[in-house]
Amino acid sequence: MTRATLWRLLGRYAVPCAVRSLYYAVRFRCLVSLRADVQLSSRIRLGRGSDIRPYARIINGTGSIILGRRCGISSFTYLANGSAFIRIGDGVRIGPHVYLGSSNRGFEDPNTPILDQEKSEQGIVIEDDVWVGAHVVVLDGVRIGRGSVIGAGAIVTRDIPPLSIAVGNPARVIRQRGDRPQVRAGRPAEQVLR
């Protein structure tokens, strides 16, 4: 076992949550709940004023996880990477039960066990001022553009342009922020905006 692997395991399992929370509060001036599980790693950087809620989990492999300033990571959200990266911009809000995973497995060859097939690790980028709703899954290789909104339960499999509102499985852009919603005949606009 290499020294780097030993340090990673100690940072993940042996250091109490209170010590990790204090480390991130002093080093980055952010709030990590005592009940959050944020691995102690030099490759995890949390932006000033960020807030990691209880039961959120941030686990790093050999890549990097970088959060911008004033980010909010809600409860039961899971950020995990292998050798790729996860970069989250400033002012990003991530709802509860969200999964961001920056690795993916191949499964095309039925004669080779899935564990032995090629692994894709391209990374995830979420630009500034994005709102990711509850129960969203963001897969490897995705970039979510500045100012976008991802609706609850969406599965993001491809890039989302800036200022977009995307929903569904797979996530698709339904309109741009700032556009007026379309009103169907017979429905007052006030009902559509609720």
C-alpha atoms as a PDB file:
ATOM      1  CA  MET A   1       0.000   0.000   0.000  1.00  0.00           C
ATOM      2  CA  THR A   2       1.431   3.369  -1.002  1.00  0.00           C
ATOM      3  CA  ARG A   3       1.702   6.331   1.342  1.00  0.00           C
ATOM      4  CA  ALA A   4      -0.879   8.277  -0.733  1.00  0.00           C
ATOM      5  CA  THR A   5      -3.386   5.418  -0.493  1.00  0.00           C
ATOM      6  CA  LEU A   6      -2.843   5.128   3.257  1.00  0.00           C
ATOM      7  CA  TRP A   7      -3.356   8.904   3.723  1.00  0.00           C
ATOM      8  CA  ARG A   8      -6.560   8.771   1.610  1.00  0.00           C
ATOM      9  CA  LEU A   9      -7.953   5.902   3.705  1.00  0.00           C
ATOM     10  CA  LEU A  10      -7.076   7.629   6.976  1.00  0.00           C
ATOM     11  CA  GLY A  11      -8.665  10.878   5.778  1.00  0.00           C
ATOM     12  CA  ARG A  12     -11.802   9.047   4.746  1.00  0.00           C
ATOM     13  CA  TYR A  13     -12.341   6.674   7.676  1.00  0.00           C
ATOM     14  CA  ALA A  14     -10.131   7.435  10.697  1.00  0.00           C
ATOM     15  CA  VAL A  15     -10.555  11.184  11.260  1.00  0.00           C
ATOM     16  CA  PRO A  16     -13.718  12.086  13.243  1.00  0.00           C
ATOM     17  CA  CYS A  17     -16.307  14.280  11.517  1.00  0.00           C
ATOM     18  CA  ALA A  18     -15.877  17.043  14.113  1.00  0.00           C
ATOM     19  CA  VAL A  19     -12.172  17.325  13.265  1.00  0.00           C
ATOM     20  CA  ARG A  20     -12.917  17.432   9.538  1.00  0.00           C
ATOM     21  CA  SER A  21     -15.615  20.102  10.052  1.00  0.00           C
ATOM     22  CA  LEU A  22     -13.221  22.218  12.090  1.00  0.00           C
ATOM     23  CA  TYR A  23     -10.471  21.786   9.471  1.00  0.00           C
ATOM     24  CA  TYR A  24     -12.714  23.027   6.648  1.00  0.00           C
ATOM     25  CA  ALA A  25     -14.105  25.890   8.786  1.00  0.00           C
ATOM     26  CA  VAL A  26     -10.623  27.173   9.606  1.00  0.00           C
ATOM     27  CA  ARG A  27      -9.005  26.534   6.231  1.00  0.00           C
ATOM     28  CA  PHE A  28     -11.820  27.659   3.896  1.00  0.00           C
ATOM     29  CA  ARG A  29     -14.180  29.637   6.173  1.00  0.00           C
ATOM     30  CA  CYS A  30     -17.175  27.535   5.308  1.00  0.00           C
ATOM     31  CA  LEU A  31     -19.699  25.553   7.327  1.00  0.00           C
ATOM     32  CA  VAL A  32     -19.535  21.759   7.207  1.00  0.00           C
ATOM     33  CA  SER A  33     -22.141  20.099   9.403  1.00  0.00           C
ATOM     34  CA  LEU A  34     -20.853  17.749  12.080  1.00  0.00           C
ATOM     35  CA  ARG A  35     -23.104  15.121  10.502  1.00  0.00           C
ATOM     36  CA  ALA A  36     -21.757  15.640   6.978  1.00  0.00           C
ATOM     37  CA  ASP A  37     -19.153  13.223   5.647  1.00  0.00           C
ATOM     38  CA  VAL A  38     -16.504  15.253   3.827  1.00  0.00           C
ATOM     39  CA  GLN A  39     -13.283  13.358   3.269  1.00  0.00           C
ATOM     40  CA  LEU A  40     -10.148  15.037   4.588  1.00  0.00           C
ATOM     41  CA  SER A  41      -8.123  15.619   1.413  1.00  0.00           C
ATOM     42  CA  SER A  42      -5.826  18.259  -0.043  1.00  0.00           C
ATOM     43  CA  ARG A  43      -7.685  17.766  -3.352  1.00  0.00           C
ATOM     44  CA  ILE A  44     -11.023  18.950  -1.929  1.00  0.00           C
ATOM     45  CA  ARG A  45     -11.432  22.745  -1.845  1.00  0.00           C
ATOM     46  CA  LEU A  46     -14.548  24.400  -0.471  1.00  0.00           C
ATOM     47  CA  GLY A  47     -15.301  28.033  -1.285  1.00  0.00           C
ATOM     48  CA  ARG A  48     -15.628  30.686   1.394  1.00  0.00           C
ATOM     49  CA  GLY A  49     -19.154  30.904   2.766  1.00  0.00           C
ATOM     50  CA  SER A  50     -20.214  27.497   1.439  1.00  0.00           C
ATOM     51  CA  ASP A  51     -22.587  25.357   3.493  1.00  0.00           C
ATOM     52  CA  ILE A  52     -22.506  21.545   3.570  1.00  0.00           C
ATOM     53  CA  ARG A  53     -25.669  20.253   5.262  1.00  0.00           C
ATOM     54  CA  PRO A  54     -26.058  17.151   7.497  1.00  0.00           C
ATOM     55  CA  TYR A  55     -25.654  13.739   5.833  1.00  0.00           C
ATOM     56  CA  ALA A  56     -24.151  15.190   2.658  1.00  0.00           C
ATOM     57  CA  ARG A  57     -21.164  13.158   1.479  1.00  0.00           C
ATOM     58  CA  ILE A  58     -18.125  14.322  -0.493  1.00  0.00           C
ATOM     59  CA  ILE A  59     -15.692  11.528  -1.317  1.00  0.00           C
ATOM     60  CA  ASN A  60     -12.589  12.062  -3.450  1.00  0.00           C
ATOM     61  CA  GLY A  61     -10.517   9.499  -5.337  1.00  0.00           C
ATOM     62  CA  THR A  62      -7.362  10.774  -6.988  1.00  0.00           C
ATOM     63  CA  GLY A  63      -8.980  13.676  -8.856  1.00  0.00           C
ATOM     64  CA  SER A  64     -10.175  16.965  -7.372  1.00  0.00           C
ATOM     65  CA  ILE A  65     -13.435  18.398  -6.054  1.00  0.00           C
ATOM     66  CA  ILE A  66     -13.631  22.206  -6.052  1.00  0.00           C
ATOM     67  CA  LEU A  67     -16.613  24.199  -4.793  1.00  0.00           C
ATOM     68  CA  GLY A  68     -16.897  27.925  -5.452  1.00  0.00           C
ATOM     69  CA  ARG A  69     -17.918  30.611  -2.976  1.00  0.00           C
ATOM     70  CA  ARG A  70     -21.315  30.596  -1.265  1.00  0.00           C
ATOM     71  CA  CYS A  71     -22.373  27.148  -2.500  1.00  0.00           C
ATOM     72  CA  GLY A  72     -25.068  25.163  -0.745  1.00  0.00           C
ATOM     73  CA  ILE A  73     -24.953  21.359  -0.672  1.00  0.00           C
ATOM     74  CA  SER A  74     -28.154  19.935   0.840  1.00  0.00           C
ATOM     75  CA  SER A  75     -28.642  16.830   2.945  1.00  0.00           C
ATOM     76  CA  PHE A  76     -28.100  13.367   1.480  1.00  0.00           C
ATOM     77  CA  THR A  77     -26.288  14.737  -1.561  1.00  0.00           C
ATOM     78  CA  TYR A  78     -23.371  12.601  -2.775  1.00  0.00           C
ATOM     79  CA  LEU A  79     -20.374  13.938  -4.721  1.00  0.00           C
ATOM     80  CA  ALA A  80     -17.897  11.259  -5.778  1.00  0.00           C
ATOM     81  CA  ASN A  81     -15.067  11.120  -8.261  1.00  0.00           C
ATOM     82  CA  GLY A  82     -12.367   8.709  -9.287  1.00  0.00           C
ATOM     83  CA  SER A  83      -9.415  10.210 -11.115  1.00  0.00           C
ATOM     84  CA  ALA A  84     -11.491  12.940 -12.789  1.00  0.00           C
ATOM     85  CA  PHE A  85     -12.709  16.238 -11.307  1.00  0.00           C
ATOM     86  CA  ILE A  86     -15.877  17.905 -10.110  1.00  0.00           C
ATOM     87  CA  ARG A  87     -15.850  21.724 -10.382  1.00  0.00           C
ATOM     88  CA  ILE A  88     -18.761  23.710  -8.987  1.00  0.00           C
ATOM     89  CA  GLY A  89     -18.904  27.481  -9.517  1.00  0.00           C
ATOM     90  CA  ASP A  90     -19.890  30.335  -7.198  1.00  0.00           C
ATOM     91  CA  GLY A  91     -23.415  30.631  -5.781  1.00  0.00           C
ATOM     92  CA  VAL A  92     -24.543  27.141  -6.816  1.00  0.00           C
ATOM     93  CA  ARG A  93     -27.455  25.593  -4.889  1.00  0.00           C
ATOM     94  CA  ILE A  94     -27.725  21.801  -4.883  1.00  0.00           C
ATOM     95  CA  GLY A  95     -30.903  20.259  -3.483  1.00  0.00           C
ATOM     96  CA  PRO A  96     -31.242  17.140  -1.335  1.00  0.00           C
ATOM     97  CA  HIS A  97     -30.600  13.597  -2.591  1.00  0.00           C
ATOM     98  CA  VAL A  98     -28.521  14.718  -5.597  1.00  0.00           C
ATOM     99  CA  TYR A  99     -25.791  12.481  -7.063  1.00  0.00           C
ATOM    100  CA  LEU A 100     -22.772  13.830  -8.975  1.00  0.00           C
ATOM    101  CA  GLY A 101     -20.506  11.040 -10.196  1.00  0.00           C
ATOM    102  CA  SER A 102     -17.521  11.787 -12.417  1.00  0.00           C
ATOM    103  CA  SER A 103     -16.882   8.262 -13.629  1.00  0.00           C
ATOM    104  CA  ASN A 104     -18.775   5.776 -15.750  1.00  0.00           C
ATOM    105  CA  ARG A 105     -18.252   2.136 -16.722  1.00  0.00           C
ATOM    106  CA  GLY A 106     -18.382   0.554 -20.146  1.00  0.00           C
ATOM    107  CA  PHE A 107     -20.634  -2.455 -20.668  1.00  0.00           C
ATOM    108  CA  GLU A 108     -20.664  -3.031 -24.432  1.00  0.00           C
ATOM    109  CA  ASP A 109     -18.766  -6.364 -24.549  1.00  0.00           C
ATOM    110  CA  PRO A 110     -21.001  -9.130 -23.108  1.00  0.00           C
ATOM    111  CA  ASN A 111     -18.025 -11.539 -23.003  1.00  0.00           C
ATOM    112  CA  THR A 112     -15.999  -9.342 -20.638  1.00  0.00           C
ATOM    113  CA  PRO A 113     -17.076  -8.726 -17.023  1.00  0.00           C
ATOM    114  CA  ILE A 114     -18.289  -5.163 -16.530  1.00  0.00           C
ATOM    115  CA  LEU A 115     -15.669  -4.635 -13.833  1.00  0.00           C
ATOM    116  CA  ASP A 116     -12.915  -5.286 -16.421  1.00  0.00           C
ATOM    117  CA  GLN A 117     -14.316  -3.032 -19.139  1.00  0.00           C
ATOM    118  CA  GLU A 118     -13.098   0.450 -19.951  1.00  0.00           C
ATOM    119  CA  LYS A 119     -13.894   3.228 -17.494  1.00  0.00           C
ATOM    120  CA  SER A 120     -14.759   6.777 -18.589  1.00  0.00           C
ATOM    121  CA  GLU A 121     -13.664   9.667 -16.361  1.00  0.00           C
ATOM    122  CA  GLN A 122     -14.165  13.051 -18.030  1.00  0.00           C
ATOM    123  CA  GLY A 123     -15.268  15.163 -15.064  1.00  0.00           C
ATOM    124  CA  ILE A 124     -18.243  17.385 -14.255  1.00  0.00           C
ATOM    125  CA  VAL A 125     -18.450  21.189 -14.442  1.00  0.00           C
ATOM    126  CA  ILE A 126     -21.293  23.206 -12.931  1.00  0.00           C
ATOM    127  CA  GLU A 127     -20.835  26.888 -13.700  1.00  0.00           C
ATOM    128  CA  ASP A 128     -21.812  29.871 -11.489  1.00  0.00           C
ATOM    129  CA  ASP A 129     -25.356  30.594 -10.257  1.00  0.00           C
ATOM    130  CA  VAL A 130     -26.920  27.199 -10.998  1.00  0.00           C
ATOM    131  CA  TRP A 131     -29.806  25.647  -9.085  1.00  0.00           C
ATOM    132  CA  VAL A 132     -29.929  21.835  -9.086  1.00  0.00           C
ATOM    133  CA  GLY A 133     -33.254  20.526  -7.741  1.00  0.00           C
ATOM    134  CA  ALA A 134     -33.859  17.531  -5.488  1.00  0.00           C
ATOM    135  CA  HIS A 135     -33.138  13.955  -6.628  1.00  0.00           C
ATOM    136  CA  VAL A 136     -31.118  15.017  -9.697  1.00  0.00           C
ATOM    137  CA  VAL A 137     -28.416  12.747 -11.139  1.00  0.00           C
ATOM    138  CA  VAL A 138     -25.518  14.378 -13.024  1.00  0.00           C
ATOM    139  CA  LEU A 139     -23.405  11.907 -14.990  1.00  0.00           C
ATOM    140  CA  ASP A 140     -19.773  12.007 -16.085  1.00  0.00           C
ATOM    141  CA  GLY A 141     -18.698  14.387 -18.864  1.00  0.00           C
ATOM    142  CA  VAL A 142     -21.455  16.969 -18.284  1.00  0.00           C
ATOM    143  CA  ARG A 143     -21.159  20.780 -18.181  1.00  0.00           C
ATOM    144  CA  ILE A 144     -24.104  22.755 -16.800  1.00  0.00           C
ATOM    145  CA  GLY A 145     -24.020  26.349 -18.027  1.00  0.00           C
ATOM    146  CA  ARG A 146     -24.102  29.511 -15.912  1.00  0.00           C
ATOM    147  CA  GLY A 147     -27.477  30.502 -14.483  1.00  0.00           C
ATOM    148  CA  SER A 148     -29.244  27.251 -15.378  1.00  0.00           C
ATOM    149  CA  VAL A 149     -31.975  25.511 -13.393  1.00  0.00           C
ATOM    150  CA  ILE A 150     -32.206  21.702 -13.321  1.00  0.00           C
ATOM    151  CA  GLY A 151     -35.669  20.489 -12.316  1.00  0.00           C
ATOM    152  CA  ALA A 152     -36.254  17.909  -9.596  1.00  0.00           C
ATOM    153  CA  GLY A 153     -35.680  14.299 -10.609  1.00  0.00           C
ATOM    154  CA  ALA A 154     -33.811  15.101 -13.826  1.00  0.00           C
ATOM    155  CA  ILE A 155     -31.009  12.875 -15.084  1.00  0.00           C
ATOM    156  CA  VAL A 156     -28.407  15.048 -16.800  1.00  0.00           C
ATOM    157  CA  THR A 157     -26.577  13.032 -19.461  1.00  0.00           C
ATOM    158  CA  ARG A 158     -25.363  15.843 -21.748  1.00  0.00           C
ATOM    159  CA  ASP A 159     -24.309  19.491 -21.556  1.00  0.00           C
ATOM    160  CA  ILE A 160     -26.879  22.134 -20.602  1.00  0.00           C
ATOM    161  CA  PRO A 161     -26.406  25.616 -22.171  1.00  0.00           C
ATOM    162  CA  PRO A 162     -26.249  28.755 -19.994  1.00  0.00           C
ATOM    163  CA  LEU A 163     -29.508  30.235 -18.635  1.00  0.00           C
ATOM    164  CA  SER A 164     -31.491  27.075 -19.461  1.00  0.00           C
ATOM    165  CA  ILE A 165     -34.271  25.339 -17.586  1.00  0.00           C
ATOM    166  CA  ALA A 166     -33.912  21.567 -18.018  1.00  0.00           C
ATOM    167  CA  VAL A 167     -36.150  18.756 -16.755  1.00  0.00           C
ATOM    168  CA  GLY A 168     -36.809  15.071 -17.342  1.00  0.00           C
ATOM    169  CA  ASN A 169     -35.075  11.768 -17.955  1.00  0.00           C
ATOM    170  CA  PRO A 170     -32.854  12.375 -19.822  1.00  0.00           C
ATOM    171  CA  ALA A 171     -32.803  16.089 -19.020  1.00  0.00           C
ATOM    172  CA  ARG A 172     -33.855  18.328 -21.890  1.00  0.00           C
ATOM    173  CA  VAL A 173     -34.064  22.098 -22.115  1.00  0.00           C
ATOM    174  CA  ILE A 174     -37.683  23.278 -22.012  1.00  0.00           C
ATOM    175  CA  ARG A 175     -36.946  27.001 -22.148  1.00  0.00           C
ATOM    176  CA  GLN A 176     -34.429  29.717 -21.363  1.00  0.00           C
ATOM    177  CA  ARG A 177     -34.519  31.785 -18.173  1.00  0.00           C
ATOM    178  CA  GLY A 178     -36.049  35.175 -18.873  1.00  0.00           C
ATOM    179  CA  ASP A 179     -38.437  33.839 -21.546  1.00  0.00           C
ATOM    180  CA  ARG A 180     -42.090  34.135 -20.646  1.00  0.00           C
ATOM    181  CA  PRO A 181     -43.788  30.772 -20.135  1.00  0.00           C
ATOM    182  CA  GLN A 182     -46.238  29.811 -22.841  1.00  0.00           C
ATOM    183  CA  VAL A 183     -49.871  30.114 -21.803  1.00  0.00           C
ATOM    184  CA  ARG A 184     -52.335  27.611 -23.188  1.00  0.00           C
ATOM    185  CA  ALA A 185     -55.710  28.913 -24.323  1.00  0.00           C
ATOM    186  CA  GLY A 186     -58.277  29.075 -21.563  1.00  0.00           C
ATOM    187  CA  ARG A 187     -55.790  29.260 -18.655  1.00  0.00           C
ATOM    188  CA  PRO A 188     -54.992  32.549 -16.964  1.00  0.00           C
ATOM    189  CA  ALA A 189     -51.283  33.385 -16.779  1.00  0.00           C
ATOM    190  CA  GLU A 190     -51.435  33.467 -12.950  1.00  0.00           C
ATOM    191  CA  GLN A 191     -52.177  29.694 -12.893  1.00  0.00           C
ATOM    192  CA  VAL A 192     -49.227  28.912 -15.159  1.00  0.00           C
ATOM    193  CA  LEU A 193     -46.784  30.869 -12.987  1.00  0.00           C
ATOM    194  CA  ARG A 194     -47.741  29.116  -9.736  1.00  0.00           C
END
